[in-house]
Amino acid sequence: MVGLSTRPRPILDAFKSVGSAVALAGSVVTSAVGWGIFTAQEGNALTGLIGAIPGAVALVTAVLAAFGVVKASEPLVTPVASPHDNSGNVLTPAGS
C-alpha cells in the first residue's frame, strides 16, 4: 500500500497555519517580556489577545459550516478513507 495521498487540503492547511502563527506570536511576546520590551502585564494582555485567535477561527468555521461552505467544499479537497470516482470505481495510486 502506498502512503497517504498528497492532494492539497486547503481547509486543514489553513487551520495548521493559524496554529503556527499563534504559536510564533506567543513566543515573540514571551521573548519581548523577557527582554524587557513589554512589562509582564502587557505580555499577559497580548498573550490573552493571541489566545482569542483560535476561538475566532472556530467561530468563523462554525458560521461557514452553517451555510454549508465547509460541507460542500471539504469532500472536494480532502481525500476520503476509501476514495471512489463519480462512477463508483475505486481510485488507486498509479502503478499499483
Protein backbone atom coordinates (compact mmCIF):
# COMPACT_ATOMS: atom_id res chain seq x y z
CA MET A 1 0.00 0.00 0.00
CA VAL A 2 1.26 3.43 -0.91
CA GLY A 3 1.36 6.20 1.76
CA LEU A 4 -1.25 8.85 2.29
CA SER A 5 -2.39 10.98 -0.59
CA THR A 6 -0.59 14.26 -1.19
CA ARG A 7 -3.68 16.06 -2.52
CA PRO A 8 -3.97 19.61 -1.21
CA ARG A 9 -6.21 20.11 1.82
CA PRO A 10 -6.73 23.90 1.95
CA ILE A 11 -9.15 23.95 4.89
CA LEU A 12 -6.93 21.81 7.09
CA ASP A 13 -3.85 23.72 5.93
CA ALA A 14 -5.48 26.99 6.93
CA PHE A 15 -6.04 25.70 10.47
CA LYS A 16 -2.46 24.48 10.67
CA SER A 17 -1.13 27.84 9.52
CA VAL A 18 -3.28 29.67 12.11
CA GLY A 19 -1.93 27.37 14.81
CA SER A 20 1.63 28.01 13.71
CA ALA A 21 1.09 31.77 13.60
CA VAL A 22 -0.43 31.76 17.10
CA ALA A 23 2.49 29.73 18.46
CA LEU A 24 5.01 32.07 16.83
CA ALA A 25 3.25 35.18 18.11
CA GLY A 26 3.12 33.73 21.63
CA SER A 27 6.84 33.03 21.50
CA VAL A 28 7.59 36.56 20.31
CA VAL A 29 5.53 38.08 23.14
CA THR A 30 7.21 35.86 25.73
CA SER A 31 10.63 36.83 24.38
CA ALA A 32 9.72 40.51 24.37
CA VAL A 33 8.73 40.30 28.04
CA GLY A 34 11.99 38.52 28.82
CA TRP A 35 13.99 41.22 27.05
CA GLY A 36 12.10 43.97 28.85
CA ILE A 37 10.37 45.34 25.75
CA PHE A 38 6.97 44.67 27.35
CA THR A 39 6.05 44.61 31.02
CA ALA A 40 4.62 41.43 32.48
CA GLN A 41 1.13 42.98 32.43
CA GLU A 42 1.46 43.97 28.77
CA GLY A 43 2.72 40.49 27.96
CA ASN A 44 -0.25 38.93 29.74
CA ALA A 45 -2.66 41.19 27.84
CA LEU A 46 -1.08 40.34 24.49
CA THR A 47 -1.00 36.64 25.30
CA GLY A 48 -4.69 36.77 26.17
CA LEU A 49 -5.43 38.51 22.89
CA ILE A 50 -3.41 35.96 20.94
CA GLY A 51 -5.26 33.19 22.78
CA ALA A 52 -8.54 34.52 21.41
CA ILE A 53 -7.47 33.96 17.79
CA PRO A 54 -8.19 30.19 17.68
CA GLY A 55 -11.64 30.89 19.13
CA ALA A 56 -12.29 33.43 16.40
CA VAL A 57 -11.19 30.93 13.75
CA ALA A 58 -13.54 28.33 15.27
CA LEU A 59 -16.38 30.87 15.19
CA VAL A 60 -15.79 31.66 11.51
CA THR A 61 -15.65 27.94 10.73
CA ALA A 62 -18.94 27.38 12.55
CA VAL A 63 -20.58 30.16 10.56
CA LEU A 64 -19.25 28.76 7.29
CA ALA A 65 -20.44 25.29 8.26
CA ALA A 66 -23.89 26.70 9.00
CA PHE A 67 -24.06 27.98 5.45
CA GLY A 68 -22.80 24.72 4.01
CA VAL A 69 -19.49 26.02 2.69
CA VAL A 70 -17.39 23.52 4.57
CA LYS A 71 -19.81 20.68 3.87
CA ALA A 72 -19.74 21.42 0.15
CA SER A 73 -16.01 22.06 -0.19
CA GLU A 74 -14.37 19.56 2.16
CA PRO A 75 -15.34 16.43 0.16
CA LEU A 76 -13.89 18.04 -2.97
CA VAL A 77 -10.47 18.78 -1.49
CA THR A 78 -9.91 16.16 1.20
CA PRO A 79 -9.14 12.51 0.43
CA VAL A 80 -11.52 10.03 2.00
CA ALA A 81 -10.74 6.66 3.58
CA SER A 82 -11.98 4.77 0.52
CA PRO A 83 -11.79 7.10 -2.49
CA HIS A 84 -14.06 6.47 -5.48
CA ASP A 85 -14.73 8.43 -8.66
CA ASN A 86 -18.18 9.68 -9.67
CA SER A 87 -18.94 6.31 -11.28
CA GLY A 88 -18.13 4.40 -8.09
CA ASN A 89 -14.80 3.00 -9.31
CA VAL A 90 -12.17 2.62 -6.62
CA LEU A 91 -9.32 5.09 -7.07
CA THR A 92 -5.84 3.61 -6.71
CA PRO A 93 -2.39 5.20 -6.98
CA ALA A 94 -0.77 4.94 -10.39
CA GLY A 95 1.39 1.87 -10.78
CA SER A 96 -0.28 -0.26 -8.12
